[in-house]
Amino acid sequence: MTSTELAKRVGITNANLSILKTGKARAIRFTTLDAICKVLNCQPGDILEHEGGEMDV
């Protein structure tokens, strides 16, 4: 599946999908994560990775 098709199925822009793919996103809505997982038939842990580091509070 292309990024364009994934973005269309999820209901987000190609630009926002690119930000998610490159790890530059500071947050993701649960609804967006849920939609991505439904389209890809996966679980959040399959596509998310914890990188550690300091957390902004």
PDB file of N, CA and C in Angstrom:
ATOM      1  N   MET A   1       0.855  -1.170   0.000  1.00  0.00           N
ATOM      2  CA  MET A   1       0.000   0.000   0.000  1.00  0.00           C
ATOM      3  C   MET A   1       0.902   1.234   0.000  1.00  0.00           C
ATOM      4  N   THR A   2       0.542   2.209  -0.798  1.00  0.00           N
ATOM      5  CA  THR A   2       1.320   3.443  -0.843  1.00  0.00           C
ATOM      6  C   THR A   2       0.956   4.350   0.335  1.00  0.00           C
ATOM      7  N   SER A   3       1.851   5.293   0.612  1.00  0.00           N
ATOM      8  CA  SER A   3       1.565   6.267   1.667  1.00  0.00           C
ATOM      9  C   SER A   3       0.323   7.078   1.326  1.00  0.00           C
ATOM     10  N   THR A   4       0.166   7.415   0.075  1.00  0.00           N
ATOM     11  CA  THR A   4      -1.002   8.185  -0.355  1.00  0.00           C
ATOM     12  C   THR A   4      -2.288   7.420  -0.091  1.00  0.00           C
ATOM     13  N   GLU A   5      -2.292   6.142  -0.400  1.00  0.00           N
ATOM     14  CA  GLU A   5      -3.488   5.324  -0.168  1.00  0.00           C
ATOM     15  C   GLU A   5      -3.763   5.186   1.328  1.00  0.00           C
ATOM     16  N   LEU A   6      -2.709   4.977   2.126  1.00  0.00           N
ATOM     17  CA  LEU A   6      -2.882   4.864   3.572  1.00  0.00           C
ATOM     18  C   LEU A   6      -3.456   6.154   4.139  1.00  0.00           C
ATOM     19  N   ALA A   7      -2.900   7.283   3.749  1.00  0.00           N
ATOM     20  CA  ALA A   7      -3.397   8.573   4.236  1.00  0.00           C
ATOM     21  C   ALA A   7      -4.868   8.748   3.885  1.00  0.00           C
ATOM     22  N   LYS A   8      -5.220   8.385   2.668  1.00  0.00           N
ATOM     23  CA  LYS A   8      -6.614   8.525   2.225  1.00  0.00           C
ATOM     24  C   LYS A   8      -7.538   7.630   3.038  1.00  0.00           C
ATOM     25  N   ARG A   9      -7.140   6.385   3.256  1.00  0.00           N
ATOM     26  CA  ARG A   9      -7.974   5.444   4.015  1.00  0.00           C
ATOM     27  C   ARG A   9      -8.116   5.864   5.481  1.00  0.00           C
ATOM     28  N   VAL A  10      -7.040   6.443   6.044  1.00  0.00           N
ATOM     29  CA  VAL A  10      -7.054   6.864   7.438  1.00  0.00           C
ATOM     30  C   VAL A  10      -7.800   8.180   7.609  1.00  0.00           C
ATOM     31  N   GLY A  11      -7.757   9.016   6.571  1.00  0.00           N
ATOM     32  CA  GLY A  11      -8.425  10.312   6.641  1.00  0.00           C
ATOM     33  C   GLY A  11      -7.513  11.428   7.119  1.00  0.00           C
ATOM     34  N   ILE A  12      -6.205  11.305   6.821  1.00  0.00           N
ATOM     35  CA  ILE A  12      -5.262  12.366   7.153  1.00  0.00           C
ATOM     36  C   ILE A  12      -4.528  12.781   5.882  1.00  0.00           C
ATOM     37  N   THR A  13      -3.830  13.897   5.949  1.00  0.00           N
ATOM     38  CA  THR A  13      -3.101  14.372   4.779  1.00  0.00           C
ATOM     39  C   THR A  13      -1.793  13.593   4.616  1.00  0.00           C
ATOM     40  N   ASN A  14      -1.264  13.623   3.405  1.00  0.00           N
ATOM     41  CA  ASN A  14       0.036  13.004   3.151  1.00  0.00           C
ATOM     42  C   ASN A  14       1.114  13.657   4.011  1.00  0.00           C
ATOM     43  N   ALA A  15       1.013  14.967   4.193  1.00  0.00           N
ATOM     44  CA  ALA A  15       1.995  15.691   5.002  1.00  0.00           C
ATOM     45  C   ALA A  15       1.975  15.204   6.448  1.00  0.00           C
ATOM     46  N   ASN A  16       0.786  15.034   7.011  1.00  0.00           N
ATOM     47  CA  ASN A  16       0.692  14.549   8.393  1.00  0.00           C
ATOM     48  C   ASN A  16       1.175  13.108   8.519  1.00  0.00           C
ATOM     49  N   LEU A  17       0.899  12.285   7.535  1.00  0.00           N
ATOM     50  CA  LEU A  17       1.393  10.909   7.561  1.00  0.00           C
ATOM     51  C   LEU A  17       2.920  10.907   7.493  1.00  0.00           C
ATOM     52  N   SER A  18       3.490  11.777   6.684  1.00  0.00           N
ATOM     53  CA  SER A  18       4.938  11.881   6.585  1.00  0.00           C
ATOM     54  C   SER A  18       5.563  12.276   7.924  1.00  0.00           C
ATOM     55  N   ILE A  19       4.932  13.204   8.622  1.00  0.00           N
ATOM     56  CA  ILE A  19       5.421  13.619   9.941  1.00  0.00           C
ATOM     57  C   ILE A  19       5.397  12.434  10.908  1.00  0.00           C
ATOM     58  N   LEU A  20       4.356  11.639  10.850  1.00  0.00           N
ATOM     59  CA  LEU A  20       4.273  10.456  11.707  1.00  0.00           C
ATOM     60  C   LEU A  20       5.352   9.438  11.337  1.00  0.00           C
ATOM     61  N   LYS A  21       5.549   9.218  10.040  1.00  0.00           N
ATOM     62  CA  LYS A  21       6.511   8.226   9.579  1.00  0.00           C
ATOM     63  C   LYS A  21       7.943   8.593   9.932  1.00  0.00           C
ATOM     64  N   THR A  22       8.268   9.876   9.912  1.00  0.00           N
ATOM     65  CA  THR A  22       9.642  10.299  10.182  1.00  0.00           C
ATOM     66  C   THR A  22       9.938  10.455  11.662  1.00  0.00           C
ATOM     67  N   GLY A  23       8.915  10.299  12.502  1.00  0.00           N
ATOM     68  CA  GLY A  23       9.116  10.422  13.936  1.00  0.00           C
ATOM     69  C   GLY A  23       9.167  11.853  14.430  1.00  0.00           C
ATOM     70  N   LYS A  24       8.750  12.794  13.596  1.00  0.00           N
ATOM     71  CA  LYS A  24       8.789  14.203  13.978  1.00  0.00           C
ATOM     72  C   LYS A  24       7.518  14.664  14.693  1.00  0.00           C
ATOM     73  N   ALA A  25       6.528  13.805  14.762  1.00  0.00           N
ATOM     74  CA  ALA A  25       5.282  14.161  15.439  1.00  0.00           C
ATOM     75  C   ALA A  25       5.505  14.180  16.941  1.00  0.00           C
ATOM     76  N   ARG A  26       4.948  15.175  17.592  1.00  0.00           N
ATOM     77  CA  ARG A  26       5.054  15.257  19.047  1.00  0.00           C
ATOM     78  C   ARG A  26       3.870  14.575  19.722  1.00  0.00           C
ATOM     79  N   ALA A  27       2.840  14.273  18.963  1.00  0.00           N
ATOM     80  CA  ALA A  27       1.653  13.621  19.516  1.00  0.00           C
ATOM     81  C   ALA A  27       0.876  12.975  18.370  1.00  0.00           C
ATOM     82  N   ILE A  28      -0.008  12.065  18.742  1.00  0.00           N
ATOM     83  CA  ILE A  28      -0.924  11.464  17.775  1.00  0.00           C
ATOM     84  C   ILE A  28      -2.258  11.268  18.483  1.00  0.00           C
ATOM     85  N   ARG A  29      -3.318  11.583  17.806  1.00  0.00           N
ATOM     86  CA  ARG A  29      -4.641  11.365  18.380  1.00  0.00           C
ATOM     87  C   ARG A  29      -4.937   9.880  18.405  1.00  0.00           C
ATOM     88  N   PHE A  30      -5.617   9.456  19.466  1.00  0.00           N
ATOM     89  CA  PHE A  30      -5.986   8.043  19.563  1.00  0.00           C
ATOM     90  C   PHE A  30      -6.871   7.630  18.397  1.00  0.00           C
ATOM     91  N   THR A  31      -7.707   8.534  17.929  1.00  0.00           N
ATOM     92  CA  THR A  31      -8.576   8.190  16.794  1.00  0.00           C
ATOM     93  C   THR A  31      -7.754   7.941  15.536  1.00  0.00           C
ATOM     94  N   THR A  32      -6.682   8.714  15.360  1.00  0.00           N
ATOM     95  CA  THR A  32      -5.807   8.522  14.199  1.00  0.00           C
ATOM     96  C   THR A  32      -5.047   7.210  14.332  1.00  0.00           C
ATOM     97  N   LEU A  33      -4.518   6.943  15.517  1.00  0.00           N
ATOM     98  CA  LEU A  33      -3.807   5.693  15.759  1.00  0.00           C
ATOM     99  C   LEU A  33      -4.738   4.504  15.543  1.00  0.00           C
ATOM    100  N   ASP A  34      -5.954   4.614  16.031  1.00  0.00           N
ATOM    101  CA  ASP A  34      -6.941   3.549  15.856  1.00  0.00           C
ATOM    102  C   ASP A  34      -7.230   3.318  14.377  1.00  0.00           C
ATOM    103  N   ALA A  35      -7.396   4.399  13.619  1.00  0.00           N
ATOM    104  CA  ALA A  35      -7.684   4.274  12.189  1.00  0.00           C
ATOM    105  C   ALA A  35      -6.521   3.634  11.443  1.00  0.00           C
ATOM    106  N   ILE A  36      -5.306   4.024  11.776  1.00  0.00           N
ATOM    107  CA  ILE A  36      -4.125   3.428  11.134  1.00  0.00           C
ATOM    108  C   ILE A  36      -4.070   1.934  11.431  1.00  0.00           C
ATOM    109  N   CYS A  37      -4.291   1.568  12.685  1.00  0.00           N
ATOM    110  CA  CYS A  37      -4.251   0.158  13.063  1.00  0.00           C
ATOM    111  C   CYS A  37      -5.349  -0.648  12.367  1.00  0.00           C
ATOM    112  N   LYS A  38      -6.526  -0.079  12.229  1.00  0.00           N
ATOM    113  CA  LYS A  38      -7.612  -0.788  11.536  1.00  0.00           C
ATOM    114  C   LYS A  38      -7.263  -1.014  10.072  1.00  0.00           C
ATOM    115  N   VAL A  39      -6.716   0.023   9.409  1.00  0.00           N
ATOM    116  CA  VAL A  39      -6.368  -0.099   7.997  1.00  0.00           C
ATOM    117  C   VAL A  39      -5.242  -1.116   7.799  1.00  0.00           C
ATOM    118  N   LEU A  40      -4.253  -1.092   8.687  1.00  0.00           N
ATOM    119  CA  LEU A  40      -3.098  -1.985   8.552  1.00  0.00           C
ATOM    120  C   LEU A  40      -3.296  -3.333   9.246  1.00  0.00           C
ATOM    121  N   ASN A  41      -4.449  -3.495   9.932  1.00  0.00           N
ATOM    122  CA  ASN A  41      -4.744  -4.731  10.650  1.00  0.00           C
ATOM    123  C   ASN A  41      -3.607  -5.089  11.615  1.00  0.00           C
ATOM    124  N   CYS A  42      -3.307  -4.131  12.498  1.00  0.00           N
ATOM    125  CA  CYS A  42      -2.218  -4.323  13.457  1.00  0.00           C
ATOM    126  C   CYS A  42      -2.597  -3.731  14.810  1.00  0.00           C
ATOM    127  N   GLN A  43      -1.700  -3.837  15.759  1.00  0.00           N
ATOM    128  CA  GLN A  43      -1.863  -3.268  17.086  1.00  0.00           C
ATOM    129  C   GLN A  43      -0.945  -2.059  17.218  1.00  0.00           C
ATOM    130  N   PRO A  44      -1.265  -1.107  18.105  1.00  0.00           N
ATOM    131  CA  PRO A  44      -0.412   0.078  18.269  1.00  0.00           C
ATOM    132  C   PRO A  44       1.054  -0.258  18.534  1.00  0.00           C
ATOM    133  N   GLY A  45       1.310  -1.297  19.311  1.00  0.00           N
ATOM    134  CA  GLY A  45       2.689  -1.688  19.603  1.00  0.00           C
ATOM    135  C   GLY A  45       3.464  -2.160  18.383  1.00  0.00           C
ATOM    136  N   ASP A  46       2.741  -2.524  17.328  1.00  0.00           N
ATOM    137  CA  ASP A  46       3.393  -2.956  16.091  1.00  0.00           C
ATOM    138  C   ASP A  46       3.990  -1.780  15.322  1.00  0.00           C
ATOM    139  N   ILE A  47       3.464  -0.574  15.576  1.00  0.00           N
ATOM    140  CA  ILE A  47       3.920   0.576  14.790  1.00  0.00           C
ATOM    141  C   ILE A  47       4.527   1.690  15.632  1.00  0.00           C
ATOM    142  N   LEU A  48       4.442   1.573  16.961  1.00  0.00           N
ATOM    143  CA  LEU A  48       5.028   2.585  17.841  1.00  0.00           C
ATOM    144  C   LEU A  48       6.280   2.045  18.512  1.00  0.00           C
ATOM    145  N   GLU A  49       7.212   2.958  18.783  1.00  0.00           N
ATOM    146  CA  GLU A  49       8.447   2.582  19.451  1.00  0.00           C
ATOM    147  C   GLU A  49       8.783   3.635  20.487  1.00  0.00           C
ATOM    148  N   HIS A  50       9.122   3.204  21.687  1.00  0.00           N
ATOM    149  CA  HIS A  50       9.500   4.134  22.744  1.00  0.00           C
ATOM    150  C   HIS A  50      10.988   4.414  22.620  1.00  0.00           C
ATOM    151  N   GLU A  51      11.350   5.696  22.557  1.00  0.00           N
ATOM    152  CA  GLU A  51      12.752   6.066  22.378  1.00  0.00           C
ATOM    153  C   GLU A  51      13.394   6.603  23.646  1.00  0.00           C
ATOM    154  N   GLY A  52      12.648   6.731  24.716  1.00  0.00           N
ATOM    155  CA  GLY A  52      13.201   7.239  25.968  1.00  0.00           C
ATOM    156  C   GLY A  52      13.503   8.719  25.892  1.00  0.00           C
ATOM    157  N   GLY A  53      14.424   9.172  26.702  1.00  0.00           N
ATOM    158  CA  GLY A  53      14.754  10.588  26.724  1.00  0.00           C
ATOM    159  C   GLY A  53      13.897  11.333  27.716  1.00  0.00           C
ATOM    160  N   GLU A  54      14.164  12.626  27.830  1.00  0.00           N
ATOM    161  CA  GLU A  54      13.423  13.455  28.766  1.00  0.00           C
ATOM    162  C   GLU A  54      12.042  13.796  28.231  1.00  0.00           C
ATOM    163  N   MET A  55      11.101  13.938  29.164  1.00  0.00           N
ATOM    164  CA  MET A  55       9.741  14.262  28.791  1.00  0.00           C
ATOM    165  C   MET A  55       9.464  15.714  29.158  1.00  0.00           C
ATOM    166  N   ASP A  56       8.884  16.456  28.219  1.00  0.00           N
ATOM    167  CA  ASP A  56       8.464  17.830  28.500  1.00  0.00           C
ATOM    168  C   ASP A  56       7.212  17.787  29.358  1.00  0.00           C
ATOM    169  N   VAL A  57       7.231  18.504  30.441  1.00  0.00           N
ATOM    170  CA  VAL A  57       6.061  18.530  31.323  1.00  0.00           C
ATOM    171  C   VAL A  57       5.548  19.945  31.426  1.00  0.00           C
TER     172      VAL A  57
END
